[in-house]
């Protein structure tokens, strides 16, 4: 049984990794890493750099957004256009998205450091 507050509360849907810019050609110095996760009802596009994690939900909608993992920063929210920003995370994490009125999703795990 998972502890309360884990990314598995509420039996979330899994959003699978469909694109990772780190798997292609080596990005230039200081370039942001881009990830795309897809669940059957939601796409999560993420950009990661030294400033933190920024992203957009498609279709656009307000939602609670959090990184789940060791040393994860406080959670945040996506606005009505689906945009969100979170502080950097030091280690492997999952993104947890809790849309208003929709099923919760968690992403495949990823390492924000690359």
Protein backbone atom coordinates (compact mmCIF):
# COMPACT_ATOMS: atom_id res chain seq x y z
CA UNK A 1 0.00 0.00 0.00
CA UNK A 2 1.30 3.45 -0.94
CA UNK A 3 1.52 6.18 1.67
CA UNK A 4 -1.08 8.91 1.67
CA UNK A 5 0.01 11.84 -0.47
CA UNK A 6 1.78 9.66 -3.01
CA UNK A 7 1.39 10.17 -6.74
CA UNK A 8 -0.95 7.14 -6.79
CA UNK A 9 -3.76 8.63 -4.67
CA UNK A 10 -7.11 8.72 -6.51
CA UNK A 11 -6.01 5.95 -8.93
CA UNK A 12 -4.59 8.37 -11.56
CA UNK A 13 -4.23 7.73 -15.29
CA UNK A 14 -0.68 7.33 -16.62
CA UNK A 15 0.61 9.86 -19.16
CA UNK A 16 3.29 8.21 -21.29
CA UNK A 17 6.42 9.92 -22.56
CA UNK A 18 6.08 10.56 -26.32
CA UNK A 19 8.94 13.01 -26.90
CA UNK A 20 12.20 13.86 -25.11
CA UNK A 21 14.59 16.37 -26.69
CA UNK A 22 17.45 14.82 -24.68
CA UNK A 23 17.14 11.63 -26.76
CA UNK A 24 17.93 13.39 -30.04
CA UNK A 25 20.87 15.54 -30.99
CA UNK A 26 22.76 17.09 -28.10
CA UNK A 27 21.21 20.48 -27.28
CA UNK A 28 23.41 23.56 -27.18
CA UNK A 29 24.69 24.97 -23.90
CA UNK A 30 21.87 26.33 -21.76
CA UNK A 31 19.18 24.89 -24.04
CA UNK A 32 15.95 23.81 -22.37
CA UNK A 33 14.95 20.15 -22.36
CA UNK A 34 11.50 19.48 -23.82
CA UNK A 35 9.24 16.57 -22.92
CA UNK A 36 5.76 15.60 -24.11
CA UNK A 37 3.52 13.22 -22.14
CA UNK A 38 0.23 11.88 -23.49
CA UNK A 39 -2.77 10.42 -21.66
CA UNK A 40 -5.97 9.53 -23.46
CA UNK A 41 -7.61 12.87 -22.56
CA UNK A 42 -4.67 15.22 -21.93
CA UNK A 43 -1.27 16.15 -23.38
CA UNK A 44 1.37 17.73 -21.14
CA UNK A 45 4.19 19.65 -22.84
CA UNK A 46 7.07 20.44 -20.48
CA UNK A 47 10.19 22.60 -20.75
CA UNK A 48 12.95 22.17 -18.16
CA UNK A 49 15.92 24.45 -17.56
CA UNK A 50 17.87 25.93 -14.63
CA UNK A 51 14.92 28.22 -13.85
CA UNK A 52 12.53 25.30 -13.27
CA UNK A 53 9.75 23.41 -15.01
CA UNK A 54 7.26 25.21 -17.25
CA UNK A 55 4.51 23.60 -19.24
CA UNK A 56 1.18 23.66 -20.97
CA UNK A 57 -1.84 21.34 -20.88
CA UNK A 58 -3.78 20.46 -24.02
CA UNK A 59 -6.67 20.91 -24.09
CA UNK A 60 -6.08 24.08 -22.05
CA UNK A 61 -7.67 23.98 -18.60
CA UNK A 62 -7.03 24.97 -14.99
CA UNK A 63 -5.46 22.21 -12.88
CA UNK A 64 -3.37 21.51 -9.85
CA UNK A 65 0.19 20.61 -10.92
CA UNK A 66 2.95 19.11 -8.79
CA UNK A 67 6.30 17.39 -9.12
CA UNK A 68 6.30 14.20 -7.06
CA UNK A 69 9.70 12.96 -5.95
CA UNK A 70 12.52 13.51 -3.47
CA UNK A 71 13.12 17.20 -2.84
CA UNK A 72 10.18 18.23 -5.01
CA UNK A 73 9.20 21.91 -4.81
CA UNK A 74 5.78 23.11 -3.67
CA UNK A 75 2.92 22.38 -6.05
CA UNK A 76 1.40 24.97 -8.36
CA UNK A 77 -1.54 25.50 -10.66
CA UNK A 78 -2.17 25.66 -14.38
CA UNK A 79 -4.16 28.71 -15.46
CA UNK A 80 -7.21 28.72 -17.76
CA UNK A 81 -4.85 28.52 -20.78
CA UNK A 82 -3.22 25.41 -19.26
CA UNK A 83 0.11 27.13 -18.50
CA UNK A 84 2.08 26.31 -15.35
CA UNK A 85 5.51 26.90 -13.79
CA UNK A 86 7.25 25.08 -10.94
CA UNK A 87 10.57 25.51 -9.17
CA UNK A 88 13.43 23.15 -10.16
CA UNK A 89 13.53 19.61 -8.79
CA UNK A 90 16.82 17.95 -7.86
CA UNK A 91 16.11 14.33 -8.75
CA UNK A 92 13.85 11.88 -10.54
CA UNK A 93 10.21 12.89 -10.42
CA UNK A 94 6.77 12.48 -11.93
CA UNK A 95 4.43 15.28 -12.81
CA UNK A 96 0.98 14.98 -11.22
CA UNK A 97 -1.84 16.91 -12.91
CA UNK A 98 -5.23 17.27 -11.21
CA UNK A 99 -7.63 18.93 -13.67
CA UNK A 100 -10.76 20.55 -12.27
CA UNK A 101 -13.53 18.03 -12.90
CA UNK A 102 -11.31 15.50 -14.68
CA UNK A 103 -9.28 12.43 -13.82
CA UNK A 104 -5.87 12.89 -12.19
CA UNK A 105 -2.87 11.90 -14.31
CA UNK A 106 0.76 11.20 -13.45
CA UNK A 107 3.56 11.13 -15.99
CA UNK A 108 6.18 8.51 -16.62
CA UNK A 109 9.14 9.24 -14.32
CA UNK A 110 11.80 11.61 -15.65
CA UNK A 111 14.99 13.19 -14.37
CA UNK A 112 14.84 16.98 -14.65
CA UNK A 113 18.65 17.05 -14.72
CA UNK A 114 18.64 15.08 -17.98
